[in-house]
Amino acid sequence: MTLRSRLFTAFAAAAALAVVACSPAEKAKDAGADTSAETNAVNVYSSRHYDSDTAVFAAFTAKTGIDVRVVQAEGNQLLERLKAEGEYANADVVITVDAGNLDRLVEANLLQPATSAALDGVPAQFRDPQNRWFGFLKRARVIIYARGVVDPAQIASMDALATPAFKGKVCARTSTNLYNLSMMAARIERDGPEKSLAWARGIAGNFARQPQGSDSDQLRAVAAGQCQVAIANHYYLIRFRRSADPSDRAIAEKLDVVLPDQAGAGTHVNISGAGLAAHARNRANAIKLIEFLTTAEAQQIMSDKNNELPVASGVTLSPELAALGAFKEEVVDYGTFGERQPEAQRLFDEAGWK
């Protein structure tokens, strides 16, 4: 066994990553098993785990003839695997949720610039200044409330959840949740640490229960009357509304959504993005895939299937997404999220947000 093979075997076992083949010919083949360049393949390391991505990769293969082979893991696992594998990494494209993950990949020198006329069309706010990553989908952090119980005018701002009026009425995930860390990181970047700490203290003092569970669990808690408001990503409510399960739709009927801070900084929005891996062997194919992810065609597929908001123009929103309406988005440097997240966690801890 070669040194390269031994390294890959050890890293793959340590990371315990799932391998998903996106073409029939590659279903049994680990995406990292062969690190030589190929003319009809692209290897992807991804922290996204959605059927929408499988569908978009299939569309890319049908369009280009290039097979997409995917290794899936959580964002931190991907980061550590790429760092450990170094030049032996078999990733051509790295895809992850959350700008903080993208920032950490950049800081670890795990991405390289990718340039093309098509990628130049991605709005500057949604791509790295040095073209090391490109955002392709957005997710808004919103306030879910109990319909008929809470007046939406009372929760026009995320700041409202930190006021005495919501004592014992707020549900949220733990402070270690990546979505909350990025929301706090953006707040620190925008308002500074002192104001951000005061807000987190207010929220922590208003919890109806200890932070726990997923965004879906927060919605269930509001519908069950355990709390009156919750912080969640926008698409969780849409999933309940579009669910084939009548019990999910019954939960959705008890809930509604506010996109906060329209009169202020705008609703906090995070992104999913893709970058060219530092040691990509199939560079041309990788850039083609990243280009495709930034198109309206690809984002139409992903938005339809996973209820995320597109970055590209020309995407027809589902009725449920369209019902959110046009809204003001918080403008913040996504490249600061990774840098700010340790401070965000420290402030959460100081505030008592478990």
Protein backbone atom coordinates (compact mmCIF):
# COMPACT_ATOMS: atom_id res chain seq x y z
CA MET A 1 0.00 0.00 0.00
CA THR A 2 1.32 3.42 -0.97
CA LEU A 3 1.75 6.28 1.49
CA ARG A 4 -1.10 8.07 -0.23
CA SER A 5 -3.40 5.06 0.16
CA ARG A 6 -2.46 4.57 3.80
CA LEU A 7 -3.14 8.24 4.54
CA PHE A 8 -6.51 8.18 2.86
CA THR A 9 -7.59 4.99 4.62
CA ALA A 10 -6.65 6.37 8.01
CA PHE A 11 -8.33 9.71 7.47
CA ALA A 12 -11.48 8.18 6.05
CA ALA A 13 -11.83 5.84 9.00
CA ALA A 14 -11.17 8.58 11.53
CA ALA A 15 -13.70 10.97 10.04
CA ALA A 16 -16.39 8.27 9.68
CA LEU A 17 -17.84 10.05 6.68
CA ALA A 18 -20.69 8.84 4.54
CA VAL A 19 -20.03 8.50 0.82
CA VAL A 20 -22.85 9.08 -1.60
CA ALA A 21 -22.42 8.30 -5.29
CA CYS A 22 -24.48 10.47 -7.59
CA SER A 23 -24.08 8.39 -10.74
CA PRO A 24 -25.02 4.72 -11.11
CA ALA A 25 -21.53 3.76 -12.27
CA GLU A 26 -19.97 5.11 -9.08
CA LYS A 27 -22.41 3.96 -6.40
CA ALA A 28 -19.90 1.63 -4.79
CA LYS A 29 -16.82 3.81 -5.18
CA ASP A 30 -15.47 6.12 -2.48
CA ALA A 31 -14.92 9.60 -3.85
CA GLY A 32 -11.47 9.63 -2.31
CA ALA A 33 -10.24 6.30 -3.59
CA ASP A 34 -8.41 7.65 -6.61
CA THR A 35 -6.63 10.97 -6.52
CA SER A 36 -5.69 11.14 -10.19
CA ALA A 37 -7.33 13.67 -12.48
CA GLU A 38 -10.27 12.43 -14.56
CA THR A 39 -11.94 13.87 -17.61
CA ASN A 40 -15.55 12.97 -16.74
CA ALA A 41 -15.77 13.30 -12.95
CA VAL A 42 -15.79 15.87 -10.18
CA ASN A 43 -15.36 15.01 -6.49
CA VAL A 44 -17.34 16.99 -3.93
CA TYR A 45 -16.97 17.26 -0.17
CA SER A 46 -20.29 18.59 1.14
CA SER A 47 -21.88 19.37 4.48
CA ARG A 48 -25.30 19.69 2.84
CA HIS A 49 -27.51 16.61 3.19
CA TYR A 50 -30.55 17.47 1.14
CA ASP A 51 -32.36 15.63 -1.66
CA SER A 52 -32.28 18.94 -3.52
CA ASP A 53 -28.53 18.62 -3.94
CA THR A 54 -28.75 15.08 -5.29
CA ALA A 55 -31.25 16.35 -7.84
CA VAL A 56 -29.07 19.28 -8.89
CA PHE A 57 -26.00 17.06 -9.26
CA ALA A 58 -28.04 14.72 -11.47
CA ALA A 59 -29.07 17.70 -13.59
CA PHE A 60 -25.44 18.77 -13.90
CA THR A 61 -24.41 15.28 -15.02
CA ALA A 62 -27.22 15.17 -17.58
CA LYS A 63 -26.14 18.56 -18.91
CA THR A 64 -22.37 17.99 -19.02
CA GLY A 65 -21.71 14.24 -18.88
CA ILE A 66 -19.55 14.84 -15.79
CA ASP A 67 -20.18 12.42 -12.92
CA VAL A 68 -20.52 14.01 -9.47
CA ARG A 69 -19.24 11.98 -6.53
CA VAL A 70 -20.00 13.24 -3.06
CA VAL A 71 -18.53 12.75 0.39
CA GLN A 72 -20.93 14.07 3.04
CA ALA A 73 -20.16 15.18 6.59
CA GLU A 74 -20.80 18.03 8.98
CA GLY A 75 -18.92 21.27 8.35
CA ASN A 76 -16.28 20.80 11.06
CA GLN A 77 -15.64 17.22 9.95
CA LEU A 78 -15.03 18.36 6.39
CA LEU A 79 -12.67 21.06 7.59
CA GLU A 80 -10.66 18.63 9.71
CA ARG A 81 -10.57 16.02 6.98
CA LEU A 82 -9.30 18.50 4.41
CA LYS A 83 -6.66 19.75 6.84
CA ALA A 84 -5.53 16.21 7.65
CA GLU A 85 -5.43 15.00 4.06
CA GLY A 86 -3.57 18.03 2.78
CA GLU A 87 -2.29 17.54 -0.74
CA TYR A 88 -3.76 14.03 -0.79
CA ALA A 89 -7.32 15.30 -0.46
CA ASN A 90 -9.50 14.15 -3.30
CA ALA A 91 -11.90 17.08 -3.11
CA ASP A 92 -12.40 19.22 -6.20
CA VAL A 93 -15.31 21.25 -4.85
CA VAL A 94 -16.17 21.97 -1.22
CA ILE A 95 -19.80 22.83 -0.44
CA THR A 96 -21.00 23.91 2.97
CA VAL A 97 -23.78 25.69 4.78
CA ASP A 98 -23.02 28.83 6.76
CA ALA A 99 -20.64 31.65 5.91
CA GLY A 100 -18.67 30.88 9.07
CA ASN A 101 -17.71 27.49 7.64
CA LEU A 102 -16.68 29.14 4.38
CA ASP A 103 -14.57 31.65 6.29
CA ARG A 104 -12.80 28.91 8.24
CA LEU A 105 -12.02 27.06 5.02
CA VAL A 106 -10.46 30.24 3.66
CA GLU A 107 -8.45 30.86 6.83
CA ALA A 108 -7.10 27.30 6.69
CA ASN A 109 -6.00 27.79 3.03
CA LEU A 110 -8.26 24.94 1.93
CA LEU A 111 -9.80 26.84 -0.98
CA GLN A 112 -8.24 28.50 -4.01
CA PRO A 113 -9.51 31.22 -6.34
CA ALA A 114 -11.80 30.22 -9.18
CA THR A 115 -12.29 32.71 -11.97
CA SER A 116 -14.63 32.73 -14.93
CA ALA A 117 -16.98 35.15 -16.63
CA ALA A 118 -19.96 33.25 -15.24
CA LEU A 119 -18.73 33.46 -11.66
CA ASP A 120 -18.09 37.19 -12.06
CA GLY A 121 -21.87 37.50 -12.27
CA VAL A 122 -22.42 36.38 -8.66
CA PRO A 123 -23.33 39.50 -6.63
CA ALA A 124 -20.29 40.79 -4.76
CA GLN A 125 -22.02 40.46 -1.38
CA PHE A 126 -22.37 36.72 -1.93
CA ARG A 127 -18.83 35.82 -2.94
CA ASP A 128 -15.36 36.01 -1.47
CA PRO A 129 -13.41 39.07 -2.67
CA GLN A 130 -10.68 36.71 -3.89
CA ASN A 131 -13.19 34.31 -5.50
CA ARG A 132 -12.45 31.43 -3.13
CA TRP A 133 -16.15 30.76 -2.47
CA PHE A 134 -19.48 31.64 -4.05
CA GLY A 135 -22.87 31.73 -2.33
CA PHE A 136 -25.75 30.09 -4.15
CA LEU A 137 -28.64 29.85 -1.63
CA LYS A 138 -29.88 31.99 1.26
CA ARG A 139 -31.67 31.25 4.52
CA ALA A 140 -33.35 33.93 6.62
CA ARG A 141 -33.33 33.77 10.45
CA VAL A 142 -36.89 34.69 11.38
CA ILE A 143 -39.32 34.85 14.28
CA ILE A 144 -42.01 32.17 14.37
CA TYR A 145 -45.01 33.05 16.53
CA ALA A 146 -48.26 31.55 17.76
CA ARG A 147 -51.03 32.79 15.50
CA GLY A 148 -53.84 34.47 17.40
CA VAL A 149 -51.70 34.65 20.55
CA VAL A 150 -48.95 37.09 19.60
CA ASP A 151 -49.51 40.36 17.77
CA PRO A 152 -46.90 40.38 14.96
CA ALA A 153 -46.51 44.13 15.42
CA GLN A 154 -44.92 43.34 18.80
CA ILE A 155 -42.11 41.37 17.19
CA ALA A 156 -41.10 43.62 14.33
CA SER A 157 -37.51 43.41 15.56
CA MET A 158 -35.42 40.55 16.92
CA ASP A 159 -34.64 42.96 19.76
CA ALA A 160 -38.25 42.65 20.94
CA LEU A 161 -37.64 39.08 22.09
CA ALA A 162 -35.18 40.43 24.67
CA THR A 163 -37.72 42.77 26.31
CA PRO A 164 -39.71 42.06 29.50
CA ALA A 165 -42.88 41.60 27.45
CA PHE A 166 -41.60 38.16 26.38
CA LYS A 167 -40.50 36.88 29.79
CA GLY A 168 -41.00 33.11 29.78
CA LYS A 169 -42.27 33.09 26.18
CA VAL A 170 -39.19 32.44 23.98
CA CYS A 171 -37.90 29.14 22.57
CA ALA A 172 -34.54 28.75 20.83
CA ARG A 173 -31.79 26.30 20.03
CA THR A 174 -28.63 26.12 22.07
CA SER A 175 -25.98 28.78 21.75
CA THR A 176 -23.59 26.29 20.16
CA ASN A 177 -25.90 25.89 17.16
CA LEU A 178 -24.17 27.21 14.05
CA TYR A 179 -27.19 29.24 12.92
CA ASN A 180 -27.29 31.07 16.26
CA LEU A 181 -23.53 31.58 16.32
CA SER A 182 -23.61 33.20 12.90
CA MET A 183 -26.58 35.36 13.85
CA MET A 184 -24.67 36.54 16.92
CA ALA A 185 -21.45 37.01 14.92
CA ALA A 186 -23.32 39.26 12.49
CA ARG A 187 -24.81 41.21 15.39
CA ILE A 188 -21.36 41.72 16.93
CA GLU A 189 -20.03 42.93 13.58
CA ARG A 190 -22.95 45.32 13.25
CA ASP A 191 -23.57 46.54 16.82
CA GLY A 192 -20.43 45.68 18.77
CA PRO A 193 -19.96 43.28 21.69
CA GLU A 194 -21.60 45.32 24.48
CA LYS A 195 -24.96 45.73 22.75
CA SER A 196 -24.81 42.13 21.51
CA LEU A 197 -24.20 40.84 25.04
CA ALA A 198 -27.13 42.87 26.37
CA TRP A 199 -29.40 41.39 23.70
CA ALA A 200 -28.27 37.83 24.44
CA ARG A 201 -28.84 38.39 28.18
CA GLY A 202 -32.36 39.59 27.45
CA ILE A 203 -33.13 36.55 25.33
CA ALA A 204 -31.64 34.15 27.89
CA GLY A 205 -33.76 35.73 30.61
CA ASN A 206 -36.92 35.18 28.57
CA PHE A 207 -36.60 31.47 27.78
CA ALA A 208 -39.70 29.38 28.35
CA ARG A 209 -37.46 26.32 28.62
CA GLN A 210 -33.78 25.49 28.37
CA PRO A 211 -32.52 25.81 24.77
CA GLN A 212 -32.75 22.44 23.04
CA GLY A 213 -33.60 20.62 19.84
CA SER A 214 -33.69 21.59 16.20
CA ASP A 215 -35.43 24.47 14.47
CA SER A 216 -38.32 22.08 13.78
CA ASP A 217 -38.55 21.37 17.51
CA GLN A 218 -38.88 25.10 18.21
CA LEU A 219 -41.88 25.26 15.89
CA ARG A 220 -43.47 22.24 17.55
CA ALA A 221 -42.97 23.87 20.96
CA VAL A 222 -44.73 27.07 19.86
CA ALA A 223 -47.62 25.09 18.36
CA ALA A 224 -47.91 23.06 21.59
CA GLY A 225 -48.09 26.23 23.70
CA GLN A 226 -44.76 25.68 25.43
CA CYS A 227 -43.68 29.12 24.24
CA GLN A 228 -45.17 31.89 22.14
CA VAL A 229 -42.25 32.83 19.89
CA ALA A 230 -39.18 31.07 18.53
CA ILE A 231 -36.11 31.82 16.43
CA ALA A 232 -35.71 29.59 13.36
CA ASN A 233 -34.74 29.56 9.71
CA HIS A 234 -37.56 30.47 7.35
CA TYR A 235 -37.74 27.18 5.48
CA TYR A 236 -38.69 25.08 8.51
CA LEU A 237 -42.18 26.56 8.62
CA ILE A 238 -42.51 26.09 4.87
CA ARG A 239 -41.55 22.43 5.25
CA PHE A 240 -44.40 21.98 7.70
CA ARG A 241 -46.79 23.80 5.38
CA ARG A 242 -45.80 21.66 2.39
CA SER A 243 -45.57 18.38 4.29
CA ALA A 244 -47.49 15.30 3.21
CA ASP A 245 -48.06 14.55 6.91
CA PRO A 246 -51.36 16.03 8.14
CA SER A 247 -49.92 16.45 11.65
CA ASP A 248 -47.17 18.70 10.28
CA ARG A 249 -49.69 20.80 8.39
CA ALA A 250 -51.79 21.07 11.56
CA ILE A 251 -48.75 22.47 13.37
CA ALA A 252 -48.17 24.98 10.56
CA GLU A 253 -51.76 26.22 10.82
CA LYS A 254 -51.04 27.38 14.39
CA LEU A 255 -47.97 29.37 13.37
CA ASP A 256 -46.94 32.39 11.36
CA VAL A 257 -43.70 34.18 10.59
CA VAL A 258 -42.18 37.65 10.90
CA LEU A 259 -39.13 38.71 8.94
CA PRO A 260 -37.67 40.99 11.61
CA ASP A 261 -35.89 44.33 11.51
CA GLN A 262 -37.37 45.63 8.29
CA ALA A 263 -37.28 49.15 9.74
CA GLY A 264 -33.72 48.65 10.93
CA ALA A 265 -30.71 46.62 9.83
CA GLY A 266 -32.75 44.02 7.97
CA THR A 267 -33.37 40.32 8.57
CA HIS A 268 -30.28 38.23 9.26
CA VAL A 269 -29.51 36.02 6.25
CA ASN A 270 -26.93 33.28 5.95
CA ILE A 271 -25.78 31.38 2.88
CA SER A 272 -24.70 28.06 1.45
CA GLY A 273 -21.63 28.29 -0.75
CA ALA A 274 -19.16 26.36 -2.84
CA GLY A 275 -15.44 26.78 -3.41
CA LEU A 276 -12.65 25.28 -5.46
CA ALA A 277 -10.62 22.94 -3.25
CA ALA A 278 -6.98 23.89 -2.74
CA HIS A 279 -5.70 20.65 -4.26
CA ALA A 280 -8.42 20.08 -6.87
CA ARG A 281 -7.27 17.66 -9.57
CA ASN A 282 -10.33 18.06 -11.78
CA ARG A 283 -10.14 21.85 -11.81
CA ALA A 284 -12.00 22.49 -15.05
CA ASN A 285 -14.86 20.18 -14.05
CA ALA A 286 -14.95 21.74 -10.59
CA ILE A 287 -15.34 25.24 -11.98
CA LYS A 288 -18.12 24.01 -14.27
CA LEU A 289 -19.98 22.61 -11.27
CA ILE A 290 -19.54 25.79 -9.21
CA GLU A 291 -20.74 27.82 -12.21
CA PHE A 292 -23.80 25.58 -12.50
CA LEU A 293 -24.65 26.01 -8.81
CA THR A 294 -24.75 29.77 -9.32
CA THR A 295 -27.28 29.56 -12.17
CA ALA A 296 -31.01 30.13 -11.94
CA GLU A 297 -31.49 26.63 -13.39
CA ALA A 298 -29.74 24.94 -10.48
CA GLN A 299 -31.15 27.24 -7.82
CA GLN A 300 -34.67 26.64 -9.17
CA ILE A 301 -34.23 22.93 -8.44
CA MET A 302 -32.82 23.50 -4.96
CA SER A 303 -35.29 26.20 -4.00
CA ASP A 304 -38.24 24.09 -5.12
CA LYS A 305 -37.08 21.06 -3.18
CA ASN A 306 -35.65 22.63 -0.02
CA ASN A 307 -37.47 25.97 0.23
CA GLU A 308 -34.25 28.01 0.36
CA LEU A 309 -34.00 31.44 -1.22
CA PRO A 310 -31.99 31.85 -4.42
CA VAL A 311 -29.06 34.18 -4.89
CA ALA A 312 -29.53 34.24 -8.68
CA SER A 313 -32.24 36.27 -10.34
CA GLY A 314 -34.78 34.59 -12.59
CA VAL A 315 -35.89 31.87 -10.15
CA THR A 316 -39.65 31.39 -9.79
CA LEU A 317 -40.41 31.05 -6.09
CA SER A 318 -42.90 28.51 -4.78
CA PRO A 319 -46.17 30.03 -3.54
CA GLU A 320 -45.02 29.49 0.05
CA LEU A 321 -41.71 31.28 -0.52
CA ALA A 322 -43.34 34.01 -2.55
CA ALA A 323 -45.73 34.62 0.35
CA LEU A 324 -42.80 35.85 2.42
CA GLY A 325 -42.65 38.83 0.09
CA ALA A 326 -39.68 40.99 -0.77
CA PHE A 327 -37.76 41.90 2.35
CA LYS A 328 -34.76 43.90 3.50
CA GLU A 329 -31.72 41.73 4.20
CA GLU A 330 -29.05 42.54 6.73
CA VAL A 331 -25.92 43.70 4.90
CA VAL A 332 -22.85 42.28 6.63
CA ASP A 333 -19.48 40.95 5.53
CA TYR A 334 -19.93 37.18 5.40
CA GLY A 335 -16.17 36.80 5.60
CA THR A 336 -16.29 37.92 9.25
CA PHE A 337 -18.56 35.15 10.50
CA GLY A 338 -15.86 32.57 11.17
CA GLU A 339 -13.67 35.17 12.87
CA ARG A 340 -16.51 36.40 15.05
CA GLN A 341 -17.99 33.05 16.08
CA PRO A 342 -15.59 32.34 19.00
CA GLU A 343 -16.47 35.75 20.42
CA ALA A 344 -20.13 35.02 19.80
CA GLN A 345 -19.87 31.83 21.83
CA ARG A 346 -18.05 33.63 24.65
CA LEU A 347 -20.77 36.29 24.83
CA PHE A 348 -23.52 33.67 24.73
CA ASP A 349 -21.85 31.89 27.65
CA GLU A 350 -21.53 35.14 29.58
CA ALA A 351 -25.19 35.89 28.91
CA GLY A 352 -26.32 32.52 30.25
CA TRP A 353 -27.62 31.30 26.87
CA LYS A 354 -26.82 27.62 27.30
